[in-house]
Amino acid sequence: SDNIVQNNHSGLGAGICAGGGTIVVTGNTIQGNTCHFDHGGGLAVSGPDAVISHNQILNNAVAHPDDYGWGGGVIVFGTGSTNAMLSYNVISGNTAPSIGGGVFIDDGAEATLDHELIYGNTGVEGGGGIYVDGIEQTGSNVTVKHCTVADNTGGSRGGNGLTAERYSQVTVTNSIFWGNSDGEDF
């Protein structure tokens, strides 16, 4: 809580990487971190109970040498992440060389995004704002409510505000999707 996590270089979760048990990440500035493996420039979380709230997650990147990688800002992954709550965070300026520039939900995780401001992120291939993985019959389950997802940039896969793959379930209520590249919000 209440830390500045800045300019770190690492593999998974260059800013903060947390797995298992109860995880609480609140009131931090997580900025300018670079992941040189493939997931989680700013924050990588996997565990049965995760609360990520009131953080500034800014200008983090995945910089895999083969232009591969997911979750420039935040990645929540694994079937153990059944109670991940992201609320009142500002997630901006993050980059992933493939998908999920801002937030990436992966490997059957369940997450709620509530009152999130997700803007100006880039997923080079798609899902610049939020990407919900659901390939290989392991879908993730995500609720997006009272969020603003704006001005995110993506590529060929579209859904530059929000992309959800085939086996995932996403519920969106009372949220604003605006100005995401190529007019492709979903």
Protein backbone atom coordinates (compact mmCIF):
# COMPACT_ATOMS: atom_id res chain seq x y z
CA SER A 1 0.00 0.00 0.00
CA ASP A 2 1.02 3.60 -0.77
CA ASN A 3 4.29 2.85 -2.59
CA ILE A 4 5.97 4.08 -5.72
CA VAL A 5 7.01 1.09 -7.84
CA GLN A 6 8.93 2.60 -10.74
CA ASN A 7 11.44 1.78 -13.50
CA ASN A 8 11.94 -1.90 -12.67
CA HIS A 9 12.92 -4.57 -15.20
CA SER A 10 12.02 -8.23 -14.75
CA GLY A 11 10.31 -11.27 -16.23
CA LEU A 12 6.67 -11.78 -15.23
CA GLY A 13 5.17 -8.75 -13.45
CA ALA A 14 8.05 -6.28 -13.62
CA GLY A 15 6.47 -3.84 -11.16
CA ILE A 16 4.72 -6.28 -8.80
CA CYS A 17 4.24 -10.03 -9.18
CA ALA A 18 2.04 -11.73 -6.59
CA GLY A 19 0.66 -15.26 -6.48
CA GLY A 20 -1.30 -17.31 -3.96
CA GLY A 21 -3.00 -16.37 -0.71
CA THR A 22 -4.67 -13.02 -0.15
CA ILE A 23 -3.26 -10.23 -2.31
CA VAL A 24 -3.96 -6.56 -1.59
CA VAL A 25 -2.44 -3.85 -3.81
CA THR A 26 -3.82 -0.40 -2.91
CA GLY A 27 -2.88 3.23 -3.31
CA ASN A 28 0.33 2.64 -5.27
CA THR A 29 1.88 4.30 -8.28
CA ILE A 30 3.13 1.50 -10.55
CA GLN A 31 4.92 3.29 -13.36
CA GLY A 32 7.50 2.82 -16.09
CA ASN A 33 8.20 -0.86 -15.41
CA THR A 34 9.28 -3.21 -18.21
CA CYS A 35 8.67 -6.95 -18.42
CA HIS A 36 11.23 -8.71 -20.61
CA PHE A 37 9.50 -12.09 -20.57
CA ASP A 38 5.95 -12.18 -21.86
CA HIS A 39 3.28 -11.10 -19.31
CA GLY A 40 2.59 -8.19 -16.98
CA GLY A 41 4.58 -5.01 -17.42
CA GLY A 42 3.15 -3.31 -14.34
CA LEU A 43 1.36 -5.93 -12.25
CA ALA A 44 0.86 -9.71 -12.47
CA VAL A 45 -1.58 -11.36 -10.05
CA SER A 46 -2.65 -14.96 -9.53
CA GLY A 47 -4.35 -16.09 -6.36
CA PRO A 48 -7.69 -17.01 -4.81
CA ASP A 49 -8.27 -13.53 -3.34
CA ALA A 50 -6.96 -10.34 -4.95
CA VAL A 51 -7.91 -6.71 -4.31
CA ILE A 52 -6.32 -4.13 -6.62
CA SER A 53 -7.67 -0.70 -5.75
CA HIS A 54 -6.93 3.04 -6.00
CA ASN A 55 -3.64 2.55 -7.91
CA GLN A 56 -2.09 4.56 -10.72
CA ILE A 57 -0.81 1.97 -13.25
CA LEU A 58 0.98 4.07 -15.85
CA ASN A 59 3.36 3.66 -18.80
CA ASN A 60 4.38 0.05 -18.17
CA ALA A 61 5.37 -2.27 -21.01
CA VAL A 62 5.98 -5.82 -22.08
CA ALA A 63 9.15 -5.82 -24.17
CA HIS A 64 9.62 -9.46 -25.17
CA PRO A 65 12.39 -9.68 -27.77
CA ASP A 66 10.12 -11.55 -30.22
CA ASP A 67 7.34 -8.91 -30.06
CA TYR A 68 5.19 -11.27 -28.05
CA GLY A 69 3.51 -10.55 -24.73
CA TRP A 70 0.29 -9.76 -22.95
CA GLY A 71 -0.91 -7.39 -20.26
CA GLY A 72 1.13 -4.21 -20.43
CA GLY A 73 -0.55 -2.72 -17.35
CA VAL A 74 -2.18 -5.58 -15.42
CA ILE A 75 -2.56 -9.32 -15.93
CA VAL A 76 -4.82 -11.46 -13.74
CA PHE A 77 -4.37 -15.13 -14.51
CA GLY A 78 -5.14 -18.67 -13.45
CA THR A 79 -8.20 -20.47 -12.22
CA GLY A 80 -7.13 -19.67 -8.65
CA SER A 81 -7.92 -15.99 -9.24
CA THR A 82 -11.60 -16.49 -8.51
CA ASN A 83 -12.14 -13.27 -6.55
CA ALA A 84 -10.02 -10.65 -8.28
CA MET A 85 -11.49 -7.19 -7.70
CA LEU A 86 -10.05 -4.22 -9.58
CA SER A 87 -11.60 -0.93 -8.50
CA TYR A 88 -10.90 2.79 -8.76
CA ASN A 89 -7.59 2.32 -10.60
CA VAL A 90 -6.26 4.55 -13.36
CA ILE A 91 -4.67 2.35 -16.03
CA SER A 92 -3.08 4.44 -18.78
CA GLY A 93 -0.21 4.55 -21.27
CA ASN A 94 0.62 0.83 -20.97
CA THR A 95 1.80 -1.25 -23.94
CA ALA A 96 1.80 -4.91 -24.95
CA PRO A 97 3.39 -6.04 -28.22
CA SER A 98 0.54 -8.45 -28.91
CA ILE A 99 -2.72 -8.22 -26.91
CA GLY A 100 -4.14 -6.59 -23.78
CA GLY A 101 -2.35 -3.28 -23.44
CA GLY A 102 -4.23 -2.12 -20.34
CA VAL A 103 -5.76 -5.16 -18.62
CA PHE A 104 -5.44 -8.83 -19.57
CA ILE A 105 -7.57 -11.53 -17.88
CA ASP A 106 -6.20 -15.00 -18.64
CA ASP A 107 -6.32 -18.76 -18.00
CA GLY A 108 -9.83 -19.07 -16.55
CA ALA A 109 -9.51 -16.21 -14.07
CA GLU A 110 -12.57 -14.47 -12.69
CA ALA A 111 -12.43 -10.72 -12.18
CA THR A 112 -14.62 -7.71 -11.52
CA LEU A 113 -13.60 -4.29 -12.86
CA ASP A 114 -15.53 -1.59 -11.01
CA HIS A 115 -15.07 2.18 -11.50
CA GLU A 116 -11.88 1.69 -13.53
CA LEU A 117 -10.47 4.40 -15.80
CA ILE A 118 -8.69 2.58 -18.64
CA TYR A 119 -7.43 4.93 -21.34
CA GLY A 120 -4.61 5.47 -23.82
CA ASN A 121 -3.24 1.91 -23.71
CA THR A 122 -1.92 -0.04 -26.70
CA GLY A 123 -2.28 -3.72 -27.54
CA VAL A 124 -0.44 -3.83 -30.85
CA GLU A 125 -2.51 -6.77 -32.19
CA GLY A 126 -5.76 -5.95 -30.36
CA GLY A 127 -7.60 -5.43 -27.11
CA GLY A 128 -5.85 -2.18 -26.30
CA GLY A 129 -8.03 -1.53 -23.25
CA ILE A 130 -9.20 -4.92 -21.92
CA TYR A 131 -8.52 -8.38 -23.31
CA VAL A 132 -10.29 -11.45 -21.89
CA ASP A 133 -8.63 -14.69 -22.95
CA GLY A 134 -10.81 -17.68 -23.64
CA ILE A 135 -9.02 -19.91 -26.04
CA GLU A 136 -8.59 -23.69 -25.72
CA GLN A 137 -11.90 -24.07 -23.85
CA THR A 138 -10.55 -22.35 -20.71
CA GLY A 139 -12.68 -19.25 -20.58
CA SER A 140 -12.37 -16.40 -18.14
CA ASN A 141 -15.31 -14.69 -16.47
CA VAL A 142 -15.28 -10.88 -16.19
CA THR A 143 -17.73 -8.24 -15.02
CA VAL A 144 -17.12 -4.65 -16.13
CA LYS A 145 -19.27 -2.07 -14.34
CA HIS A 146 -19.13 1.71 -14.00
CA CYS A 147 -15.88 1.85 -16.02
CA THR A 148 -14.59 4.25 -18.64
CA VAL A 149 -12.57 2.63 -21.42
CA ALA A 150 -11.40 5.26 -23.90
CA ASP A 151 -8.78 6.13 -26.51
CA ASN A 152 -7.11 2.71 -26.50
CA THR A 153 -5.30 1.48 -29.59
CA GLY A 154 -5.23 -2.02 -31.01
CA GLY A 155 -4.63 -3.81 -34.23
CA SER A 156 -5.84 -6.61 -36.44
CA ARG A 157 -7.88 -8.50 -33.83
CA GLY A 158 -10.19 -5.51 -33.23
CA GLY A 159 -12.16 -4.89 -30.07
CA ASN A 160 -9.79 -2.14 -29.11
CA GLY A 161 -11.84 -1.17 -26.06
CA LEU A 162 -12.71 -4.75 -25.06
CA THR A 163 -11.95 -8.10 -26.66
CA ALA A 164 -13.40 -11.34 -25.31
CA GLU A 165 -12.42 -14.68 -26.80
CA ARG A 166 -14.80 -17.50 -27.61
CA TYR A 167 -15.01 -19.43 -24.34
CA SER A 168 -15.05 -16.42 -22.00
CA GLN A 169 -18.03 -14.64 -20.48
CA VAL A 170 -18.10 -10.87 -20.08
CA THR A 171 -20.88 -8.75 -18.62
CA VAL A 172 -20.72 -4.98 -19.18
CA THR A 173 -23.06 -2.59 -17.34
CA ASN A 174 -23.19 1.20 -16.88
CA SER A 175 -19.84 1.74 -18.61
CA ILE A 176 -18.52 4.11 -21.26
CA PHE A 177 -16.51 2.88 -24.25
CA TRP A 178 -15.37 5.81 -26.37
CA GLY A 179 -12.84 6.72 -29.04
CA ASN A 180 -11.01 3.41 -29.19
CA SER A 181 -9.02 3.03 -32.41
CA ASP A 182 -10.79 2.29 -35.68
CA GLY A 183 -14.12 2.77 -33.90
CA GLU A 184 -13.91 -0.80 -32.63
CA ASP A 185 -14.94 -0.69 -29.01
CA PHE A 186 -15.90 -4.39 -28.84
